[in-house]
């Protein structure tokens, strides 16, 4: 495994569930604010999934004006 730097805004797609390395980070269900558990069916739903800081530390974020 190597060291990789990626933009802070990067998120997994549902295709990552096929990967032995990444599938543990791509949930197939999420809990709504009201407590309901719903299926995550598309990539748009995955955009709201937060990645664990211990595995994906944010070391630098580009200032908004330079995007």
C-alpha atoms as a PDB file:
ATOM      1  CA  UNK A   1       0.000   0.000   0.000  1.00  0.00           C
ATOM      2  CA  UNK A   2       1.330   3.423  -0.848  1.00  0.00           C
ATOM      3  CA  UNK A   3       0.809   6.957   0.310  1.00  0.00           C
ATOM      4  CA  UNK A   4      -1.689   8.877  -1.816  1.00  0.00           C
ATOM      5  CA  UNK A   5      -2.820  12.474  -1.758  1.00  0.00           C
ATOM      6  CA  UNK A   6      -6.272  13.197  -3.148  1.00  0.00           C
ATOM      7  CA  UNK A   7      -8.553  16.267  -3.023  1.00  0.00           C
ATOM      8  CA  UNK A   8     -10.497  16.652   0.231  1.00  0.00           C
ATOM      9  CA  UNK A   9     -13.788  16.617  -1.693  1.00  0.00           C
ATOM     10  CA  UNK A  10     -13.252  13.117  -3.097  1.00  0.00           C
ATOM     11  CA  UNK A  11     -15.894  10.530  -2.280  1.00  0.00           C
ATOM     12  CA  UNK A  12     -16.324   6.865  -3.185  1.00  0.00           C
ATOM     13  CA  UNK A  13     -18.786   5.686  -5.805  1.00  0.00           C
ATOM     14  CA  UNK A  14     -20.937   2.578  -5.428  1.00  0.00           C
ATOM     15  CA  UNK A  15     -18.438   0.731  -7.669  1.00  0.00           C
ATOM     16  CA  UNK A  16     -15.965   0.818  -4.772  1.00  0.00           C
ATOM     17  CA  UNK A  17     -18.092  -1.901  -3.120  1.00  0.00           C
ATOM     18  CA  UNK A  18     -16.537  -4.332  -5.623  1.00  0.00           C
ATOM     19  CA  UNK A  19     -13.030  -3.654  -4.308  1.00  0.00           C
ATOM     20  CA  UNK A  20     -11.532  -5.804  -1.551  1.00  0.00           C
ATOM     21  CA  UNK A  21      -9.546  -2.777  -0.379  1.00  0.00           C
ATOM     22  CA  UNK A  22     -12.303  -0.136  -0.342  1.00  0.00           C
ATOM     23  CA  UNK A  23     -15.620  -1.958   0.166  1.00  0.00           C
ATOM     24  CA  UNK A  24     -15.511  -1.622   3.968  1.00  0.00           C
ATOM     25  CA  UNK A  25     -15.652   2.168   3.558  1.00  0.00           C
ATOM     26  CA  UNK A  26     -18.684   2.173   1.240  1.00  0.00           C
ATOM     27  CA  UNK A  27     -21.827   1.438   3.256  1.00  0.00           C
ATOM     28  CA  UNK A  28     -24.963   0.019   1.665  1.00  0.00           C
ATOM     29  CA  UNK A  29     -27.262   1.561   4.289  1.00  0.00           C
ATOM     30  CA  UNK A  30     -27.376   4.809   6.241  1.00  0.00           C
ATOM     31  CA  UNK A  31     -29.366   6.141   9.164  1.00  0.00           C
ATOM     32  CA  UNK A  32     -31.534   9.181   8.514  1.00  0.00           C
ATOM     33  CA  UNK A  33     -31.883  11.984  11.073  1.00  0.00           C
ATOM     34  CA  UNK A  34     -35.296  10.599  12.059  1.00  0.00           C
ATOM     35  CA  UNK A  35     -33.738   7.210  12.862  1.00  0.00           C
ATOM     36  CA  UNK A  36     -34.903   5.372   9.746  1.00  0.00           C
ATOM     37  CA  UNK A  37     -32.351   3.114   8.066  1.00  0.00           C
ATOM     38  CA  UNK A  38     -32.427   3.432   4.279  1.00  0.00           C
ATOM     39  CA  UNK A  39     -30.518   1.829   1.420  1.00  0.00           C
ATOM     40  CA  UNK A  40     -27.781   3.754  -0.339  1.00  0.00           C
ATOM     41  CA  UNK A  41     -28.527   3.021  -3.969  1.00  0.00           C
ATOM     42  CA  UNK A  42     -26.601   5.582  -5.981  1.00  0.00           C
ATOM     43  CA  UNK A  43     -23.459   7.672  -6.009  1.00  0.00           C
ATOM     44  CA  UNK A  44     -25.339  10.808  -4.960  1.00  0.00           C
ATOM     45  CA  UNK A  45     -26.338   9.137  -1.675  1.00  0.00           C
ATOM     46  CA  UNK A  46     -22.688   8.268  -1.045  1.00  0.00           C
ATOM     47  CA  UNK A  47     -21.709  11.957  -1.187  1.00  0.00           C
ATOM     48  CA  UNK A  48     -23.152  12.393   2.307  1.00  0.00           C
ATOM     49  CA  UNK A  49     -21.083   9.557   3.812  1.00  0.00           C
ATOM     50  CA  UNK A  50     -18.254  10.846   6.001  1.00  0.00           C
ATOM     51  CA  UNK A  51     -14.952   9.014   5.753  1.00  0.00           C
ATOM     52  CA  UNK A  52     -13.191   8.093   9.023  1.00  0.00           C
ATOM     53  CA  UNK A  53     -10.508  10.661   9.904  1.00  0.00           C
ATOM     54  CA  UNK A  54      -8.138   7.972  11.230  1.00  0.00           C
ATOM     55  CA  UNK A  55      -8.049   6.254   7.824  1.00  0.00           C
ATOM     56  CA  UNK A  56      -8.421   9.332   5.617  1.00  0.00           C
ATOM     57  CA  UNK A  57      -6.758  12.245   7.420  1.00  0.00           C
ATOM     58  CA  UNK A  58      -7.307  15.678   5.936  1.00  0.00           C
ATOM     59  CA  UNK A  59      -3.897  17.318   5.881  1.00  0.00           C
ATOM     60  CA  UNK A  60      -4.573  20.264   3.578  1.00  0.00           C
ATOM     61  CA  UNK A  61      -7.607  21.822   1.938  1.00  0.00           C
ATOM     62  CA  UNK A  62      -7.359  24.216  -0.991  1.00  0.00           C
ATOM     63  CA  UNK A  63      -8.758  27.709  -0.237  1.00  0.00           C
ATOM     64  CA  UNK A  64     -12.170  28.318  -1.892  1.00  0.00           C
ATOM     65  CA  UNK A  65     -10.908  31.165  -4.078  1.00  0.00           C
ATOM     66  CA  UNK A  66      -8.365  28.938  -5.873  1.00  0.00           C
ATOM     67  CA  UNK A  67     -10.813  26.215  -6.984  1.00  0.00           C
END
